[in-house]
Amino acid sequence: MLSELSVLFRRRRTWAMLAALAAIPILIAVAVKLSSGPPRGRGPAFLDQVSQNGLFVAVVATIVAIPLFLPLTIGVVAGDTVAGEASTGTLRYLLMAPVARARLLLVKYIGAIVFCLAATFTVALVGIIMGSLLFPIGPVTLLSGTTIGVPEAIGRVALVSLYVTLSLLGLCAVGLFISTLTDVPVGAMAATVVVSVVSQVVDQLPQLEWIHPWLLSHYWLGFADLLRDPIVWDSFLANGLLQAGYIVVFGALAYGRFSTKDVLA
């Protein structure tokens, strides 16, 4: 496991993607600082609150990153898990060692999960830092009207990051499965990203409302309940159950494909 994480975080591509994610809160904070402020009701949620409280930079940056930037980076990492090893010829050497294929898949998936955590917390942490540098920091008024102190507010931001990480676990499982289908990592990466885009597009079509609760992206922006007092855990639990379903189904498909794949020929 440590070896997999070491390989993942030694890659320049990994750090380039994290740097690109870190640029989101930086750009938002600088843009708001240099402007007179966005008109109320326009732009991402909470954008008009950034100049009053810098902690909102982290929340706004997370909202901006969810639809495209986070799925894009997750798609790159998840799509490369198996296909990347196969394309370089290292997969056959990994399987020559006394390592079960199920364990190898699990290690690859855990690596993708760790990257999810790193990606979401990078956005939040850089957002908090930029917000504290450019704007005043103080108590935060939640959606329920309750005011909480800065330490608790930072804790809520961390909860939002955990929620977003949970939301992306299903996409990681889909990417892992697709990665077992091909030896071309770019194809697996692109297909994983396309799945996330299609899911979000279908989720916006009222004609297909019956399928919305089953889409992996349906609860991606459902963390508003974490910004209430008391916290409402319904969306968190529903999201967790949905992502667990994707993990089980696509994890089983990935194992079924990988366990019968002839990678030594």
C-alpha atoms as a PDB file:
ATOM      1  CA  MET A   1       0.000   0.000   0.000  1.00  0.00           C
ATOM      2  CA  LEU A   2       2.759   2.444   0.931  1.00  0.00           C
ATOM      3  CA  SER A   3       4.557   1.573  -2.286  1.00  0.00           C
ATOM      4  CA  GLU A   4       1.459   2.384  -4.340  1.00  0.00           C
ATOM      5  CA  LEU A   5       0.989   5.731  -2.600  1.00  0.00           C
ATOM      6  CA  SER A   6       4.671   6.505  -3.026  1.00  0.00           C
ATOM      7  CA  VAL A   7       4.457   5.874  -6.767  1.00  0.00           C
ATOM      8  CA  LEU A   8       1.254   7.917  -7.074  1.00  0.00           C
ATOM      9  CA  PHE A   9       2.552  10.963  -5.214  1.00  0.00           C
ATOM     10  CA  ARG A  10       5.982  10.907  -6.837  1.00  0.00           C
ATOM     11  CA  ARG A  11       4.439  11.526 -10.225  1.00  0.00           C
ATOM     12  CA  ARG A  12       4.631  15.050 -11.558  1.00  0.00           C
ATOM     13  CA  ARG A  13       1.170  14.575 -13.032  1.00  0.00           C
ATOM     14  CA  THR A  14      -0.318  14.062  -9.569  1.00  0.00           C
ATOM     15  CA  TRP A  15       1.192  17.265  -8.224  1.00  0.00           C
ATOM     16  CA  ALA A  16       0.241  19.140 -11.385  1.00  0.00           C
ATOM     17  CA  MET A  17      -3.400  18.145 -10.885  1.00  0.00           C
ATOM     18  CA  LEU A  18      -3.313  19.146  -7.213  1.00  0.00           C
ATOM     19  CA  ALA A  19      -1.747  22.476  -8.216  1.00  0.00           C
ATOM     20  CA  ALA A  20      -4.516  23.013 -10.772  1.00  0.00           C
ATOM     21  CA  LEU A  21      -7.124  22.351  -8.082  1.00  0.00           C
ATOM     22  CA  ALA A  22      -5.339  24.719  -5.706  1.00  0.00           C
ATOM     23  CA  ALA A  23      -5.538  27.415  -8.381  1.00  0.00           C
ATOM     24  CA  ILE A  24      -9.357  27.413  -8.170  1.00  0.00           C
ATOM     25  CA  PRO A  25      -9.664  29.019  -4.698  1.00  0.00           C
ATOM     26  CA  ILE A  26      -6.721  31.305  -5.489  1.00  0.00           C
ATOM     27  CA  LEU A  27      -8.439  32.645  -8.613  1.00  0.00           C
ATOM     28  CA  ILE A  28     -11.770  33.029  -6.823  1.00  0.00           C
ATOM     29  CA  ALA A  29     -10.236  34.906  -3.885  1.00  0.00           C
ATOM     30  CA  VAL A  30      -8.170  37.211  -6.094  1.00  0.00           C
ATOM     31  CA  ALA A  31     -11.084  37.889  -8.457  1.00  0.00           C
ATOM     32  CA  VAL A  32     -13.398  38.841  -5.592  1.00  0.00           C
ATOM     33  CA  LYS A  33     -10.691  40.952  -3.954  1.00  0.00           C
ATOM     34  CA  LEU A  34     -10.046  42.918  -7.143  1.00  0.00           C
ATOM     35  CA  SER A  35     -13.714  43.397  -8.002  1.00  0.00           C
ATOM     36  CA  SER A  36     -16.472  45.367  -6.369  1.00  0.00           C
ATOM     37  CA  GLY A  37     -18.221  42.110  -5.516  1.00  0.00           C
ATOM     38  CA  PRO A  38     -20.626  39.916  -7.510  1.00  0.00           C
ATOM     39  CA  PRO A  39     -24.280  40.931  -7.751  1.00  0.00           C
ATOM     40  CA  ARG A  40     -26.324  39.164  -5.124  1.00  0.00           C
ATOM     41  CA  GLY A  41     -27.884  35.958  -6.441  1.00  0.00           C
ATOM     42  CA  ARG A  42     -25.422  35.563  -9.316  1.00  0.00           C
ATOM     43  CA  GLY A  43     -22.509  33.142  -9.555  1.00  0.00           C
ATOM     44  CA  PRO A  44     -21.926  30.056  -7.377  1.00  0.00           C
ATOM     45  CA  ALA A  45     -23.663  29.762  -4.029  1.00  0.00           C
ATOM     46  CA  PHE A  46     -22.043  31.802  -1.222  1.00  0.00           C
ATOM     47  CA  LEU A  47     -19.915  33.822  -3.669  1.00  0.00           C
ATOM     48  CA  ASP A  48     -21.478  37.066  -2.447  1.00  0.00           C
ATOM     49  CA  GLN A  49     -20.407  36.158   1.118  1.00  0.00           C
ATOM     50  CA  VAL A  50     -16.697  35.799   0.373  1.00  0.00           C
ATOM     51  CA  SER A  51     -15.773  39.455   0.904  1.00  0.00           C
ATOM     52  CA  GLN A  52     -17.504  39.441   4.319  1.00  0.00           C
ATOM     53  CA  ASN A  53     -15.916  36.193   5.514  1.00  0.00           C
ATOM     54  CA  GLY A  54     -12.906  34.539   3.888  1.00  0.00           C
ATOM     55  CA  LEU A  55     -13.932  31.067   5.052  1.00  0.00           C
ATOM     56  CA  PHE A  56     -16.509  31.041   2.273  1.00  0.00           C
ATOM     57  CA  VAL A  57     -13.685  30.900  -0.292  1.00  0.00           C
ATOM     58  CA  ALA A  58     -13.218  27.216   0.548  1.00  0.00           C
ATOM     59  CA  VAL A  59     -16.922  26.440   0.138  1.00  0.00           C
ATOM     60  CA  VAL A  60     -17.269  28.367  -3.128  1.00  0.00           C
ATOM     61  CA  ALA A  61     -14.128  26.750  -4.544  1.00  0.00           C
ATOM     62  CA  THR A  62     -15.475  23.306  -3.664  1.00  0.00           C
ATOM     63  CA  ILE A  63     -18.774  24.057  -5.412  1.00  0.00           C
ATOM     64  CA  VAL A  64     -16.916  25.247  -8.506  1.00  0.00           C
ATOM     65  CA  ALA A  65     -14.612  22.204  -8.530  1.00  0.00           C
ATOM     66  CA  ILE A  66     -17.282  19.527  -8.147  1.00  0.00           C
ATOM     67  CA  PRO A  67     -18.924  19.461 -11.596  1.00  0.00           C
ATOM     68  CA  LEU A  68     -15.780  19.178 -13.734  1.00  0.00           C
ATOM     69  CA  PHE A  69     -12.382  19.697 -12.128  1.00  0.00           C
ATOM     70  CA  LEU A  70     -12.599  17.107  -9.360  1.00  0.00           C
ATOM     71  CA  PRO A  71     -14.166  14.408 -11.601  1.00  0.00           C
ATOM     72  CA  LEU A  72     -11.513  15.171 -14.229  1.00  0.00           C
ATOM     73  CA  THR A  73      -8.615  14.591 -11.841  1.00  0.00           C
ATOM     74  CA  ILE A  74     -10.291  11.554 -10.277  1.00  0.00           C
ATOM     75  CA  GLY A  75     -10.918  10.146 -13.755  1.00  0.00           C
ATOM     76  CA  VAL A  76      -7.232  10.482 -14.593  1.00  0.00           C
ATOM     77  CA  VAL A  77      -6.101   8.666 -11.440  1.00  0.00           C
ATOM     78  CA  ALA A  78      -8.802   5.972 -11.435  1.00  0.00           C
ATOM     79  CA  GLY A  79      -8.527   5.323 -15.164  1.00  0.00           C
ATOM     80  CA  ASP A  80      -4.784   4.835 -14.832  1.00  0.00           C
ATOM     81  CA  THR A  81      -4.923   2.342 -11.958  1.00  0.00           C
ATOM     82  CA  VAL A  82      -4.700  -0.879 -13.995  1.00  0.00           C
ATOM     83  CA  ALA A  83      -4.456   0.325 -17.587  1.00  0.00           C
ATOM     84  CA  GLY A  84      -1.401   2.416 -16.757  1.00  0.00           C
ATOM     85  CA  GLU A  85       0.449  -0.619 -15.393  1.00  0.00           C
ATOM     86  CA  ALA A  86      -0.620  -2.704 -18.393  1.00  0.00           C
ATOM     87  CA  SER A  87       0.540  -0.105 -20.919  1.00  0.00           C
ATOM     88  CA  THR A  88       4.037   0.100 -19.410  1.00  0.00           C
ATOM     89  CA  GLY A  89       4.352  -3.670 -19.032  1.00  0.00           C
ATOM     90  CA  THR A  90       4.725  -3.545 -15.250  1.00  0.00           C
ATOM     91  CA  LEU A  91       1.410  -5.283 -14.570  1.00  0.00           C
ATOM     92  CA  ARG A  92       2.733  -8.688 -15.592  1.00  0.00           C
ATOM     93  CA  TYR A  93       5.659  -8.307 -13.190  1.00  0.00           C
ATOM     94  CA  LEU A  94       3.345  -7.315 -10.356  1.00  0.00           C
ATOM     95  CA  LEU A  95       1.308 -10.460 -10.921  1.00  0.00           C
ATOM     96  CA  MET A  96       4.403 -12.659 -11.008  1.00  0.00           C
ATOM     97  CA  ALA A  97       4.812 -11.888  -7.312  1.00  0.00           C
ATOM     98  CA  PRO A  98       2.682 -13.865  -4.849  1.00  0.00           C
ATOM     99  CA  VAL A  99      -0.011 -11.184  -4.755  1.00  0.00           C
ATOM    100  CA  ALA A 100      -3.691 -11.996  -5.226  1.00  0.00           C
ATOM    101  CA  ARG A 101      -5.398 -10.053  -7.989  1.00  0.00           C
ATOM    102  CA  ALA A 102      -8.171  -9.011  -5.606  1.00  0.00           C
ATOM    103  CA  ARG A 103      -5.578  -7.522  -3.254  1.00  0.00           C
ATOM    104  CA  LEU A 104      -3.922  -5.678  -6.133  1.00  0.00           C
ATOM    105  CA  LEU A 105      -7.253  -4.168  -7.178  1.00  0.00           C
ATOM    106  CA  LEU A 106      -7.971  -3.172  -3.568  1.00  0.00           C
ATOM    107  CA  VAL A 107      -4.590  -1.452  -3.242  1.00  0.00           C
ATOM    108  CA  LYS A 108      -5.176   0.432  -6.501  1.00  0.00           C
ATOM    109  CA  TYR A 109      -8.630   1.512  -5.327  1.00  0.00           C
ATOM    110  CA  ILE A 110      -7.369   2.662  -1.936  1.00  0.00           C
ATOM    111  CA  GLY A 111      -4.726   4.713  -3.738  1.00  0.00           C
ATOM    112  CA  ALA A 112      -7.468   6.423  -5.744  1.00  0.00           C
ATOM    113  CA  ILE A 113      -9.392   7.113  -2.518  1.00  0.00           C
ATOM    114  CA  VAL A 114      -6.332   8.720  -0.925  1.00  0.00           C
ATOM    115  CA  PHE A 115      -5.981  10.947  -3.968  1.00  0.00           C
ATOM    116  CA  CYS A 116      -9.668  11.907  -3.597  1.00  0.00           C
ATOM    117  CA  LEU A 117      -8.966  13.018  -0.048  1.00  0.00           C
ATOM    118  CA  ALA A 118      -5.889  14.923  -1.122  1.00  0.00           C
ATOM    119  CA  ALA A 119      -7.774  16.622  -3.960  1.00  0.00           C
ATOM    120  CA  THR A 120     -10.802  17.758  -1.947  1.00  0.00           C
ATOM    121  CA  PHE A 121      -8.776  18.904   1.048  1.00  0.00           C
ATOM    122  CA  THR A 122      -6.350  20.754  -1.211  1.00  0.00           C
ATOM    123  CA  VAL A 123      -9.237  22.865  -2.497  1.00  0.00           C
ATOM    124  CA  ALA A 124     -10.562  23.485   1.026  1.00  0.00           C
ATOM    125  CA  LEU A 125      -7.198  24.160   2.674  1.00  0.00           C
ATOM    126  CA  VAL A 126      -5.986  26.565   0.001  1.00  0.00           C
ATOM    127  CA  GLY A 127      -9.401  28.246   0.149  1.00  0.00           C
ATOM    128  CA  ILE A 128      -9.104  28.797   3.893  1.00  0.00           C
ATOM    129  CA  ILE A 129      -5.547  30.120   3.548  1.00  0.00           C
ATOM    130  CA  MET A 130      -6.421  32.518   0.713  1.00  0.00           C
ATOM    131  CA  GLY A 131      -9.567  33.631   2.475  1.00  0.00           C
ATOM    132  CA  SER A 132      -7.654  34.424   5.659  1.00  0.00           C
ATOM    133  CA  LEU A 133      -5.018  36.349   3.724  1.00  0.00           C
ATOM    134  CA  LEU A 134      -7.347  38.509   1.638  1.00  0.00           C
ATOM    135  CA  PHE A 135     -10.537  38.838   3.693  1.00  0.00           C
ATOM    136  CA  PRO A 136     -11.652  39.097   7.301  1.00  0.00           C
ATOM    137  CA  ILE A 137     -12.259  35.850   9.151  1.00  0.00           C
ATOM    138  CA  GLY A 138     -14.989  35.610  11.727  1.00  0.00           C
ATOM    139  CA  PRO A 139     -18.063  33.740  12.963  1.00  0.00           C
ATOM    140  CA  VAL A 140     -20.147  32.113  10.226  1.00  0.00           C
ATOM    141  CA  THR A 141     -23.923  32.258   9.937  1.00  0.00           C
ATOM    142  CA  LEU A 142     -25.249  28.876   8.854  1.00  0.00           C
ATOM    143  CA  LEU A 143     -28.197  28.233   6.544  1.00  0.00           C
ATOM    144  CA  SER A 144     -30.378  27.647   9.598  1.00  0.00           C
ATOM    145  CA  GLY A 145     -29.541  31.143  10.909  1.00  0.00           C
ATOM    146  CA  THR A 146     -27.290  29.946  13.730  1.00  0.00           C
ATOM    147  CA  THR A 147     -23.900  31.611  14.123  1.00  0.00           C
ATOM    148  CA  ILE A 148     -20.869  29.450  14.901  1.00  0.00           C
ATOM    149  CA  GLY A 149     -17.265  30.315  15.740  1.00  0.00           C
ATOM    150  CA  VAL A 150     -14.266  30.031  13.447  1.00  0.00           C
ATOM    151  CA  PRO A 151     -12.966  26.662  14.759  1.00  0.00           C
ATOM    152  CA  GLU A 152     -16.370  25.025  14.311  1.00  0.00           C
ATOM    153  CA  ALA A 153     -16.753  26.654  10.901  1.00  0.00           C
ATOM    154  CA  ILE A 154     -13.438  25.166   9.783  1.00  0.00           C
ATOM    155  CA  GLY A 155     -14.714  21.822  11.062  1.00  0.00           C
ATOM    156  CA  ARG A 156     -17.807  22.214   8.884  1.00  0.00           C
ATOM    157  CA  VAL A 157     -15.577  22.904   5.869  1.00  0.00           C
ATOM    158  CA  ALA A 158     -13.697  19.686   6.646  1.00  0.00           C
ATOM    159  CA  LEU A 159     -17.015  17.825   6.801  1.00  0.00           C
ATOM    160  CA  VAL A 160     -17.939  19.229   3.393  1.00  0.00           C
ATOM    161  CA  SER A 161     -14.625  17.961   2.019  1.00  0.00           C
ATOM    162  CA  LEU A 162     -15.284  14.513   3.472  1.00  0.00           C
ATOM    163  CA  TYR A 163     -18.754  14.566   1.924  1.00  0.00           C
ATOM    164  CA  VAL A 164     -17.322  15.413  -1.497  1.00  0.00           C
ATOM    165  CA  THR A 165     -14.717  12.669  -1.121  1.00  0.00           C
ATOM    166  CA  LEU A 166     -17.493  10.214  -0.322  1.00  0.00           C
ATOM    167  CA  SER A 167     -19.376  11.429  -3.392  1.00  0.00           C
ATOM    168  CA  LEU A 168     -16.454  10.548  -5.660  1.00  0.00           C
ATOM    169  CA  LEU A 169     -15.925   6.991  -4.410  1.00  0.00           C
ATOM    170  CA  GLY A 170     -18.461   5.609  -6.872  1.00  0.00           C
ATOM    171  CA  LEU A 171     -16.679   7.321  -9.751  1.00  0.00           C
ATOM    172  CA  CYS A 172     -13.408   5.795  -8.542  1.00  0.00           C
ATOM    173  CA  ALA A 173     -14.987   2.339  -8.707  1.00  0.00           C
ATOM    174  CA  VAL A 174     -16.290   3.005 -12.213  1.00  0.00           C
ATOM    175  CA  GLY A 175     -12.829   4.179 -13.284  1.00  0.00           C
ATOM    176  CA  LEU A 176     -11.216   1.080 -11.760  1.00  0.00           C
ATOM    177  CA  PHE A 177     -13.564  -1.168 -13.736  1.00  0.00           C
ATOM    178  CA  ILE A 178     -12.999   0.692 -16.996  1.00  0.00           C
ATOM    179  CA  SER A 179      -9.257   0.518 -16.366  1.00  0.00           C
ATOM    180  CA  THR A 180      -9.438  -3.286 -16.376  1.00  0.00           C
ATOM    181  CA  LEU A 181     -11.045  -3.276 -19.823  1.00  0.00           C
ATOM    182  CA  THR A 182      -8.177  -1.710 -21.742  1.00  0.00           C
ATOM    183  CA  ASP A 183      -4.422  -1.359 -21.899  1.00  0.00           C
ATOM    184  CA  VAL A 184      -4.734   2.249 -23.051  1.00  0.00           C
ATOM    185  CA  PRO A 185      -4.807   4.489 -19.943  1.00  0.00           C
ATOM    186  CA  VAL A 186      -5.866   7.622 -21.849  1.00  0.00           C
ATOM    187  CA  GLY A 187      -8.965   5.811 -23.081  1.00  0.00           C
ATOM    188  CA  ALA A 188      -9.851   4.656 -19.568  1.00  0.00           C
ATOM    189  CA  MET A 189      -9.332   8.165 -18.200  1.00  0.00           C
ATOM    190  CA  ALA A 190     -11.508   9.736 -20.890  1.00  0.00           C
ATOM    191  CA  ALA A 191     -14.261   7.148 -20.474  1.00  0.00           C
ATOM    192  CA  THR A 192     -14.365   7.707 -16.708  1.00  0.00           C
ATOM    193  CA  VAL A 193     -14.695  11.459 -17.144  1.00  0.00           C
ATOM    194  CA  VAL A 194     -17.411  10.951 -19.774  1.00  0.00           C
ATOM    195  CA  VAL A 195     -19.370   8.809 -17.301  1.00  0.00           C
ATOM    196  CA  SER A 196     -19.330  11.651 -14.770  1.00  0.00           C
ATOM    197  CA  VAL A 197     -20.415  14.203 -17.396  1.00  0.00           C
ATOM    198  CA  VAL A 198     -23.231  12.008 -18.708  1.00  0.00           C
ATOM    199  CA  SER A 199     -24.455  11.368 -15.164  1.00  0.00           C
ATOM    200  CA  GLN A 200     -24.640  15.103 -14.463  1.00  0.00           C
ATOM    201  CA  VAL A 201     -26.370  15.856 -17.770  1.00  0.00           C
ATOM    202  CA  VAL A 202     -28.996  13.157 -17.220  1.00  0.00           C
ATOM    203  CA  ASP A 203     -29.504  14.454 -13.671  1.00  0.00           C
ATOM    204  CA  GLN A 204     -30.635  17.788 -15.158  1.00  0.00           C
ATOM    205  CA  LEU A 205     -33.294  16.279 -17.427  1.00  0.00           C
ATOM    206  CA  PRO A 206     -36.754  16.337 -15.799  1.00  0.00           C
ATOM    207  CA  GLN A 207     -37.971  13.739 -18.292  1.00  0.00           C
ATOM    208  CA  LEU A 208     -35.643  11.217 -16.645  1.00  0.00           C
ATOM    209  CA  GLU A 209     -36.467  12.164 -13.078  1.00  0.00           C
ATOM    210  CA  TRP A 210     -37.187   8.555 -12.160  1.00  0.00           C
ATOM    211  CA  ILE A 211     -33.551   7.619 -12.647  1.00  0.00           C
ATOM    212  CA  HIS A 212     -32.028  10.611 -10.832  1.00  0.00           C
ATOM    213  CA  PRO A 213     -31.726   8.957  -7.369  1.00  0.00           C
ATOM    214  CA  TRP A 214     -29.632   6.186  -8.950  1.00  0.00           C
ATOM    215  CA  LEU A 215     -27.102   8.458 -10.666  1.00  0.00           C
ATOM    216  CA  LEU A 216     -23.664   8.587  -9.057  1.00  0.00           C
ATOM    217  CA  SER A 217     -23.604  12.400  -9.265  1.00  0.00           C
ATOM    218  CA  HIS A 218     -27.102  12.957  -7.837  1.00  0.00           C
ATOM    219  CA  TYR A 219     -25.917  13.926  -4.327  1.00  0.00           C
ATOM    220  CA  TRP A 220     -22.644  15.634  -5.263  1.00  0.00           C
ATOM    221  CA  LEU A 221     -23.960  19.056  -4.213  1.00  0.00           C
ATOM    222  CA  GLY A 222     -26.043  17.802  -1.319  1.00  0.00           C
ATOM    223  CA  PHE A 223     -23.714  18.980   1.437  1.00  0.00           C
ATOM    224  CA  ALA A 224     -25.912  21.975   2.324  1.00  0.00           C
ATOM    225  CA  ASP A 225     -27.334  19.915   5.198  1.00  0.00           C
ATOM    226  CA  LEU A 226     -23.884  19.999   6.785  1.00  0.00           C
ATOM    227  CA  LEU A 227     -24.160  23.789   6.970  1.00  0.00           C
ATOM    228  CA  ARG A 228     -27.185  23.737   9.269  1.00  0.00           C
ATOM    229  CA  ASP A 229     -27.546  23.569  13.037  1.00  0.00           C
ATOM    230  CA  PRO A 230     -28.099  20.873  14.019  1.00  0.00           C
ATOM    231  CA  ILE A 231     -26.468  18.970  11.167  1.00  0.00           C
ATOM    232  CA  VAL A 232     -28.930  16.978   9.070  1.00  0.00           C
ATOM    233  CA  TRP A 233     -27.295  13.687   8.082  1.00  0.00           C
ATOM    234  CA  ASP A 234     -29.973  12.447   5.661  1.00  0.00           C
ATOM    235  CA  SER A 235     -28.194  13.435   2.444  1.00  0.00           C
ATOM    236  CA  PHE A 236     -24.858  12.188   3.819  1.00  0.00           C
ATOM    237  CA  LEU A 237     -26.345   8.767   4.536  1.00  0.00           C
ATOM    238  CA  ALA A 238     -28.239   8.602   1.232  1.00  0.00           C
ATOM    239  CA  ASN A 239     -25.096   9.570  -0.635  1.00  0.00           C
ATOM    240  CA  GLY A 240     -23.045   6.993   1.247  1.00  0.00           C
ATOM    241  CA  LEU A 241     -25.550   4.252   0.459  1.00  0.00           C
ATOM    242  CA  LEU A 242     -25.596   5.183  -3.234  1.00  0.00           C
ATOM    243  CA  GLN A 243     -21.805   5.272  -3.502  1.00  0.00           C
ATOM    244  CA  ALA A 244     -21.552   1.962  -1.644  1.00  0.00           C
ATOM    245  CA  GLY A 245     -23.835   0.431  -4.260  1.00  0.00           C
ATOM    246  CA  TYR A 246     -21.562   1.660  -7.060  1.00  0.00           C
ATOM    247  CA  ILE A 247     -18.499   0.381  -5.210  1.00  0.00           C
ATOM    248  CA  VAL A 248     -20.005  -3.090  -4.777  1.00  0.00           C
ATOM    249  CA  VAL A 249     -21.316  -3.395  -8.336  1.00  0.00           C
ATOM    250  CA  PHE A 250     -18.338  -1.964 -10.212  1.00  0.00           C
ATOM    251  CA  GLY A 251     -15.847  -3.450  -7.772  1.00  0.00           C
ATOM    252  CA  ALA A 252     -17.323  -6.875  -8.503  1.00  0.00           C
ATOM    253  CA  LEU A 253     -17.258  -6.187 -12.242  1.00  0.00           C
ATOM    254  CA  ALA A 254     -13.633  -5.050 -12.010  1.00  0.00           C
ATOM    255  CA  TYR A 255     -12.674  -8.199 -10.123  1.00  0.00           C
ATOM    256  CA  GLY A 256     -14.603 -10.405 -12.526  1.00  0.00           C
ATOM    257  CA  ARG A 257     -12.822  -8.857 -15.489  1.00  0.00           C
ATOM    258  CA  PHE A 258      -9.370  -8.653 -13.904  1.00  0.00           C
ATOM    259  CA  SER A 259      -9.407 -12.168 -12.441  1.00  0.00           C
ATOM    260  CA  THR A 260      -9.900 -13.675 -15.923  1.00  0.00           C
ATOM    261  CA  LYS A 261      -7.722 -11.238 -17.847  1.00  0.00           C
ATOM    262  CA  ASP A 262      -4.661 -12.757 -19.459  1.00  0.00           C
ATOM    263  CA  VAL A 263      -2.019 -10.125 -18.793  1.00  0.00           C
ATOM    264  CA  LEU A 264       0.957 -12.442 -19.137  1.00  0.00           C
ATOM    265  CA  ALA A 265       0.483 -13.343 -22.771  1.00  0.00           C
END
